[in-house]
Amino acid sequence: MEPIDKRNRLDDEPFSYRIAKNNTIFLDYLGKQVKMLKGNDAEKFLQKINAAQDSKEVQLILANITGNFKRGNERLASSKNKRFP
Protein backbone atom coordinates (compact mmCIF):
# COMPACT_ATOMS: atom_id res chain seq x y z
CA MET A 1 0.00 0.00 0.00
CA GLU A 2 1.26 3.48 -0.87
CA PRO A 3 1.66 6.09 1.86
CA ILE A 4 -1.41 8.29 2.23
CA ASP A 5 0.45 11.53 2.95
CA LYS A 6 3.18 11.38 0.32
CA ARG A 7 4.29 14.99 0.74
CA ASN A 8 4.07 14.95 4.56
CA ARG A 9 1.75 17.92 4.66
CA LEU A 10 -0.16 16.57 7.66
CA ASP A 11 2.99 16.67 9.79
CA ASP A 12 2.47 20.44 10.13
CA GLU A 13 -1.06 19.75 11.48
CA PRO A 14 -2.96 22.15 9.20
CA PHE A 15 -6.37 20.92 10.41
CA SER A 16 -7.97 21.70 13.75
CA TYR A 17 -11.43 21.59 15.31
CA ARG A 18 -13.42 23.49 17.91
CA ILE A 19 -16.43 22.33 19.91
CA ALA A 20 -19.08 24.93 20.77
CA LYS A 21 -21.36 24.81 23.81
CA ASN A 22 -24.29 23.52 21.74
CA ASN A 23 -22.15 20.55 20.50
CA THR A 24 -21.56 22.13 17.12
CA ILE A 25 -18.12 21.29 15.77
CA PHE A 26 -16.18 23.68 13.56
CA LEU A 27 -13.45 22.21 11.35
CA ASP A 28 -10.62 24.57 10.39
CA TYR A 29 -7.85 24.45 7.80
CA LEU A 30 -4.93 26.80 8.47
CA GLY A 31 -7.08 28.77 10.90
CA LYS A 32 -10.04 29.23 8.54
CA GLN A 33 -13.35 27.46 9.00
CA VAL A 34 -14.10 25.04 6.16
CA LYS A 35 -16.92 22.90 7.60
CA MET A 36 -19.43 22.71 10.44
CA LEU A 37 -20.89 19.52 11.96
CA LYS A 38 -24.09 19.20 13.99
CA GLY A 39 -26.19 16.41 15.45
CA ASN A 40 -25.39 12.83 14.46
CA ASP A 41 -22.49 13.91 12.25
CA ALA A 42 -20.87 15.65 15.22
CA GLU A 43 -21.34 12.58 17.44
CA LYS A 44 -19.80 10.26 14.84
CA PHE A 45 -16.90 12.67 14.42
CA LEU A 46 -16.18 12.74 18.16
CA GLN A 47 -16.25 8.92 18.30
CA LYS A 48 -13.67 8.74 15.50
CA ILE A 49 -11.47 11.38 17.13
CA ASN A 50 -11.60 9.64 20.51
CA ALA A 51 -10.61 6.33 18.86
CA ALA A 52 -7.62 7.91 17.07
CA GLN A 53 -4.26 6.70 18.33
CA ASP A 54 -2.04 9.65 17.42
CA SER A 55 -2.10 13.17 15.98
CA LYS A 56 -1.36 11.91 12.44
CA GLU A 57 -4.52 9.79 12.53
CA VAL A 58 -6.52 12.78 13.83
CA GLN A 59 -5.22 14.85 10.89
CA LEU A 60 -6.25 12.10 8.45
CA ILE A 61 -9.76 11.99 9.93
CA LEU A 62 -10.07 15.77 9.68
CA ALA A 63 -8.78 15.78 6.09
CA ASN A 64 -11.23 13.06 5.12
CA ILE A 65 -14.24 14.77 6.69
CA THR A 66 -13.48 18.19 5.23
CA GLY A 67 -13.45 16.60 1.78
CA ASN A 68 -11.72 17.66 -1.38
CA PHE A 69 -12.19 21.40 -0.99
CA LYS A 70 -8.71 22.24 -2.27
CA ARG A 71 -8.00 20.48 -5.55
CA GLY A 72 -4.94 22.35 -6.80
CA ASN A 73 -6.41 23.21 -10.19
CA GLU A 74 -7.53 26.76 -9.39
CA ARG A 75 -4.86 28.25 -11.66
CA LEU A 76 -6.05 26.18 -14.64
CA ALA A 77 -9.63 27.36 -14.24
CA SER A 78 -8.63 31.01 -14.38
CA SER A 79 -6.61 30.51 -17.57
CA LYS A 80 -9.58 28.89 -19.36
CA ASN A 81 -11.59 32.10 -19.05
CA LYS A 82 -9.14 34.08 -21.17
CA ARG A 83 -9.92 34.59 -24.83
CA PHE A 84 -7.36 33.51 -27.35
CA PRO A 85 -6.91 35.35 -30.69
C-alpha atoms as a PDB file:
ATOM      1  CA  MET A   1       0.000   0.000   0.000  1.00  0.00           C
ATOM      2  CA  GLU A   2       1.265   3.480  -0.866  1.00  0.00           C
ATOM      3  CA  PRO A   3       1.660   6.090   1.861  1.00  0.00           C
ATOM      4  CA  ILE A   4      -1.414   8.294   2.226  1.00  0.00           C
ATOM      5  CA  ASP A   5       0.447  11.529   2.953  1.00  0.00           C
ATOM      6  CA  LYS A   6       3.177  11.377   0.324  1.00  0.00           C
ATOM      7  CA  ARG A   7       4.286  14.993   0.742  1.00  0.00           C
ATOM      8  CA  ASN A   8       4.071  14.945   4.563  1.00  0.00           C
ATOM      9  CA  ARG A   9       1.748  17.924   4.661  1.00  0.00           C
ATOM     10  CA  LEU A  10      -0.163  16.570   7.657  1.00  0.00           C
ATOM     11  CA  ASP A  11       2.986  16.669   9.791  1.00  0.00           C
ATOM     12  CA  ASP A  12       2.466  20.445  10.131  1.00  0.00           C
ATOM     13  CA  GLU A  13      -1.062  19.748  11.484  1.00  0.00           C
ATOM     14  CA  PRO A  14      -2.956  22.153   9.200  1.00  0.00           C
ATOM     15  CA  PHE A  15      -6.365  20.918  10.409  1.00  0.00           C
ATOM     16  CA  SER A  16      -7.971  21.702  13.749  1.00  0.00           C
ATOM     17  CA  TYR A  17     -11.428  21.595  15.306  1.00  0.00           C
ATOM     18  CA  ARG A  18     -13.419  23.491  17.906  1.00  0.00           C
ATOM     19  CA  ILE A  19     -16.433  22.326  19.911  1.00  0.00           C
ATOM     20  CA  ALA A  20     -19.080  24.927  20.774  1.00  0.00           C
ATOM     21  CA  LYS A  21     -21.363  24.809  23.813  1.00  0.00           C
ATOM     22  CA  ASN A  22     -24.288  23.516  21.739  1.00  0.00           C
ATOM     23  CA  ASN A  23     -22.151  20.551  20.498  1.00  0.00           C
ATOM     24  CA  THR A  24     -21.561  22.131  17.119  1.00  0.00           C
ATOM     25  CA  ILE A  25     -18.124  21.292  15.765  1.00  0.00           C
ATOM     26  CA  PHE A  26     -16.176  23.683  13.563  1.00  0.00           C
ATOM     27  CA  LEU A  27     -13.446  22.211  11.351  1.00  0.00           C
ATOM     28  CA  ASP A  28     -10.618  24.565  10.385  1.00  0.00           C
ATOM     29  CA  TYR A  29      -7.849  24.449   7.804  1.00  0.00           C
ATOM     30  CA  LEU A  30      -4.933  26.802   8.474  1.00  0.00           C
ATOM     31  CA  GLY A  31      -7.084  28.765  10.896  1.00  0.00           C
ATOM     32  CA  LYS A  32     -10.039  29.232   8.539  1.00  0.00           C
ATOM     33  CA  GLN A  33     -13.351  27.462   8.996  1.00  0.00           C
ATOM     34  CA  VAL A  34     -14.101  25.038   6.164  1.00  0.00           C
ATOM     35  CA  LYS A  35     -16.918  22.903   7.597  1.00  0.00           C
ATOM     36  CA  MET A  36     -19.428  22.707  10.439  1.00  0.00           C
ATOM     37  CA  LEU A  37     -20.887  19.521  11.956  1.00  0.00           C
ATOM     38  CA  LYS A  38     -24.091  19.199  13.986  1.00  0.00           C
ATOM     39  CA  GLY A  39     -26.192  16.415  15.449  1.00  0.00           C
ATOM     40  CA  ASN A  40     -25.393  12.831  14.464  1.00  0.00           C
ATOM     41  CA  ASP A  41     -22.489  13.906  12.249  1.00  0.00           C
ATOM     42  CA  ALA A  42     -20.871  15.653  15.218  1.00  0.00           C
ATOM     43  CA  GLU A  43     -21.335  12.584  17.442  1.00  0.00           C
ATOM     44  CA  LYS A  44     -19.797  10.257  14.839  1.00  0.00           C
ATOM     45  CA  PHE A  45     -16.897  12.670  14.418  1.00  0.00           C
ATOM     46  CA  LEU A  46     -16.181  12.737  18.158  1.00  0.00           C
ATOM     47  CA  GLN A  47     -16.249   8.922  18.298  1.00  0.00           C
ATOM     48  CA  LYS A  48     -13.673   8.741  15.495  1.00  0.00           C
ATOM     49  CA  ILE A  49     -11.468  11.381  17.127  1.00  0.00           C
ATOM     50  CA  ASN A  50     -11.600   9.644  20.512  1.00  0.00           C
ATOM     51  CA  ALA A  51     -10.606   6.327  18.863  1.00  0.00           C
ATOM     52  CA  ALA A  52      -7.621   7.906  17.073  1.00  0.00           C
ATOM     53  CA  GLN A  53      -4.256   6.704  18.325  1.00  0.00           C
ATOM     54  CA  ASP A  54      -2.037   9.655  17.416  1.00  0.00           C
ATOM     55  CA  SER A  55      -2.100  13.169  15.978  1.00  0.00           C
ATOM     56  CA  LYS A  56      -1.363  11.911  12.442  1.00  0.00           C
ATOM     57  CA  GLU A  57      -4.518   9.786  12.530  1.00  0.00           C
ATOM     58  CA  VAL A  58      -6.516  12.776  13.827  1.00  0.00           C
ATOM     59  CA  GLN A  59      -5.224  14.851  10.892  1.00  0.00           C
ATOM     60  CA  LEU A  60      -6.252  12.097   8.451  1.00  0.00           C
ATOM     61  CA  ILE A  61      -9.756  11.989   9.931  1.00  0.00           C
ATOM     62  CA  LEU A  62     -10.074  15.772   9.685  1.00  0.00           C
ATOM     63  CA  ALA A  63      -8.779  15.780   6.090  1.00  0.00           C
ATOM     64  CA  ASN A  64     -11.230  13.057   5.122  1.00  0.00           C
ATOM     65  CA  ILE A  65     -14.240  14.775   6.693  1.00  0.00           C
ATOM     66  CA  THR A  66     -13.480  18.191   5.228  1.00  0.00           C
ATOM     67  CA  GLY A  67     -13.448  16.602   1.779  1.00  0.00           C
ATOM     68  CA  ASN A  68     -11.724  17.661  -1.381  1.00  0.00           C
ATOM     69  CA  PHE A  69     -12.187  21.399  -0.986  1.00  0.00           C
ATOM     70  CA  LYS A  70      -8.709  22.238  -2.273  1.00  0.00           C
ATOM     71  CA  ARG A  71      -8.002  20.476  -5.551  1.00  0.00           C
ATOM     72  CA  GLY A  72      -4.944  22.354  -6.797  1.00  0.00           C
ATOM     73  CA  ASN A  73      -6.414  23.210 -10.190  1.00  0.00           C
ATOM     74  CA  GLU A  74      -7.531  26.756  -9.389  1.00  0.00           C
ATOM     75  CA  ARG A  75      -4.858  28.251 -11.655  1.00  0.00           C
ATOM     76  CA  LEU A  76      -6.047  26.181 -14.635  1.00  0.00           C
ATOM     77  CA  ALA A  77      -9.626  27.360 -14.238  1.00  0.00           C
ATOM     78  CA  SER A  78      -8.629  31.013 -14.383  1.00  0.00           C
ATOM     79  CA  SER A  79      -6.613  30.509 -17.569  1.00  0.00           C
ATOM     80  CA  LYS A  80      -9.583  28.887 -19.356  1.00  0.00           C
ATOM     81  CA  ASN A  81     -11.591  32.095 -19.047  1.00  0.00           C
ATOM     82  CA  LYS A  82      -9.138  34.083 -21.168  1.00  0.00           C
ATOM     83  CA  ARG A  83      -9.921  34.587 -24.830  1.00  0.00           C
ATOM     84  CA  PHE A  84      -7.357  33.513 -27.345  1.00  0.00           C
ATOM     85  CA  PRO A  85      -6.911  35.347 -30.689  1.00  0.00           C
END
